[in-house]
C-alpha atoms as a PDB file:
ATOM      1  CA  MET A   1     -47.578  85.824  11.567  1.00  0.00           C
ATOM      2  CA  PRO A   2     -46.615  87.343   8.228  1.00  0.00           C
ATOM      3  CA  GLN A   3     -44.787  85.175   5.737  1.00  0.00           C
ATOM      4  CA  ARG A   4     -41.809  87.512   5.771  1.00  0.00           C
ATOM      5  CA  VAL A   5     -41.280  86.954   9.509  1.00  0.00           C
ATOM      6  CA  ARG A   6     -41.792  83.194   9.115  1.00  0.00           C
ATOM      7  CA  LYS A   7     -39.099  83.142   6.435  1.00  0.00           C
ATOM      8  CA  LEU A   8     -36.662  84.998   8.684  1.00  0.00           C
ATOM      9  CA  ILE A   9     -37.310  82.672  11.617  1.00  0.00           C
ATOM     10  CA  GLY A  10     -37.235  79.635   9.324  1.00  0.00           C
ATOM     11  CA  THR A  11     -33.906  80.645   7.825  1.00  0.00           C
ATOM     12  CA  VAL A  12     -32.313  80.954  11.257  1.00  0.00           C
ATOM     13  CA  LEU A  13     -33.828  77.623  12.338  1.00  0.00           C
ATOM     14  CA  MET A  14     -32.664  75.974   9.103  1.00  0.00           C
ATOM     15  CA  LEU A  15     -29.085  77.115   9.687  1.00  0.00           C
ATOM     16  CA  ALA A  16     -29.245  75.843  13.268  1.00  0.00           C
ATOM     17  CA  LEU A  17     -30.690  72.527  12.074  1.00  0.00           C
ATOM     18  CA  VAL A  18     -27.905  72.003   9.552  1.00  0.00           C
ATOM     19  CA  VAL A  19     -25.163  72.856  12.054  1.00  0.00           C
ATOM     20  CA  VAL A  20     -26.596  70.696  14.852  1.00  0.00           C
ATOM     21  CA  TRP A  21     -27.345  67.817  12.480  1.00  0.00           C
ATOM     22  CA  ALA A  22     -23.860  67.929  10.962  1.00  0.00           C
ATOM     23  CA  LEU A  23     -22.161  67.962  14.366  1.00  0.00           C
ATOM     24  CA  GLY A  24     -24.358  65.151  15.653  1.00  0.00           C
ATOM     25  CA  ALA A  25     -23.833  63.054  12.540  1.00  0.00           C
ATOM     26  CA  MET A  26     -20.067  63.553  12.700  1.00  0.00           C
ATOM     27  CA  ALA A  27     -19.973  62.591  16.373  1.00  0.00           C
ATOM     28  CA  LEU A  28     -22.047  59.490  15.731  1.00  0.00           C
ATOM     29  CA  ALA A  29     -20.034  58.521  12.659  1.00  0.00           C
ATOM     30  CA  GLN A  30     -16.717  58.889  14.469  1.00  0.00           C
ATOM     31  CA  GLY A  31     -17.854  56.920  17.490  1.00  0.00           C
ATOM     32  CA  ARG A  32     -20.133  54.025  16.651  1.00  0.00           C
ATOM     33  CA  VAL A  33     -20.344  53.723  12.881  1.00  0.00           C
ATOM     34  CA  THR A  34     -16.635  53.030  12.357  1.00  0.00           C
ATOM     35  CA  GLU A  35     -16.975  49.755  14.274  1.00  0.00           C
ATOM     36  CA  LEU A  36     -19.707  48.370  11.996  1.00  0.00           C
ATOM     37  CA  HIS A  37     -19.456  46.178   8.905  1.00  0.00           C
ATOM     38  CA  TRP A  38     -18.818  48.162   5.720  1.00  0.00           C
ATOM     39  CA  ALA A  39     -22.353  47.548   4.399  1.00  0.00           C
ATOM     40  CA  LEU A  40     -23.915  48.850   7.607  1.00  0.00           C
ATOM     41  CA  GLN A  41     -21.534  51.801   7.529  1.00  0.00           C
ATOM     42  CA  THR A  42     -22.800  52.671   4.062  1.00  0.00           C
ATOM     43  CA  VAL A  43     -26.411  52.504   5.207  1.00  0.00           C
ATOM     44  CA  CYS A  44     -25.648  54.671   8.242  1.00  0.00           C
ATOM     45  CA  TYR A  45     -23.824  57.282   6.186  1.00  0.00           C
ATOM     46  CA  VAL A  46     -26.660  57.454   3.663  1.00  0.00           C
ATOM     47  CA  LEU A  47     -29.240  57.835   6.428  1.00  0.00           C
ATOM     48  CA  LEU A  48     -27.211  60.394   8.370  1.00  0.00           C
ATOM     49  CA  GLY A  49     -26.605  62.352   5.200  1.00  0.00           C
ATOM     50  CA  SER A  50     -30.199  62.418   4.010  1.00  0.00           C
ATOM     51  CA  LEU A  51     -32.567  62.286   6.990  1.00  0.00           C
ATOM     52  CA  TRP A  52     -32.090  65.982   7.741  1.00  0.00           C
ATOM     53  CA  VAL A  53     -34.296  66.636   4.712  1.00  0.00           C
ATOM     54  CA  LEU A  54     -37.437  65.553   6.629  1.00  0.00           C
ATOM     55  CA  PRO A  55     -37.366  68.269   9.329  1.00  0.00           C
ATOM     56  CA  ALA A  56     -36.110  70.765   6.753  1.00  0.00           C
ATOM     57  CA  GLY A  57     -39.103  69.994   4.517  1.00  0.00           C
ATOM     58  CA  VAL A  58     -41.528  70.574   7.373  1.00  0.00           C
ATOM     59  CA  LEU A  59     -39.800  73.856   8.146  1.00  0.00           C
ATOM     60  CA  ILE A  60     -39.885  74.970   4.514  1.00  0.00           C
ATOM     61  CA  SER A  61     -43.573  74.146   4.153  1.00  0.00           C
ATOM     62  CA  TRP A  62     -44.261  76.224   7.292  1.00  0.00           C
ATOM     63  CA  MET A  63     -42.219  79.114   5.890  1.00  0.00           C
ATOM     64  CA  GLU A  64     -44.017  79.048   2.536  1.00  0.00           C
ATOM     65  CA  ARG A  65     -47.553  78.942   3.958  1.00  0.00           C
ATOM     66  CA  PRO A  66     -49.495  81.965   2.650  1.00  0.00           C
ATOM     67  CA  ASP A  67     -50.622  84.731   4.982  1.00  0.00           C
ATOM     68  CA  ARG A  68     -54.115  84.634   6.393  1.00  0.00           C
ATOM     69  CA  LYS A  69     -56.538  87.210   5.049  1.00  0.00           C
ATOM     70  CA  ALA A  70     -57.484  89.750   7.706  1.00  0.00           C
END
């Protein structure tokens, strides 16, 4: 698959990832996290706010992979 096509697919997947992650994190934060101790709330918010970087990094490395020589 050419890099140009991978970048197009990756961009669409990245947007979907951010939207789904944000909605899931908001739902989780509104439901369960508000009942926790303030220190655990802080840990949860930090994790929910930063763990999306892991799947995004995998997706970006896939998008940036060079084309195979024919």
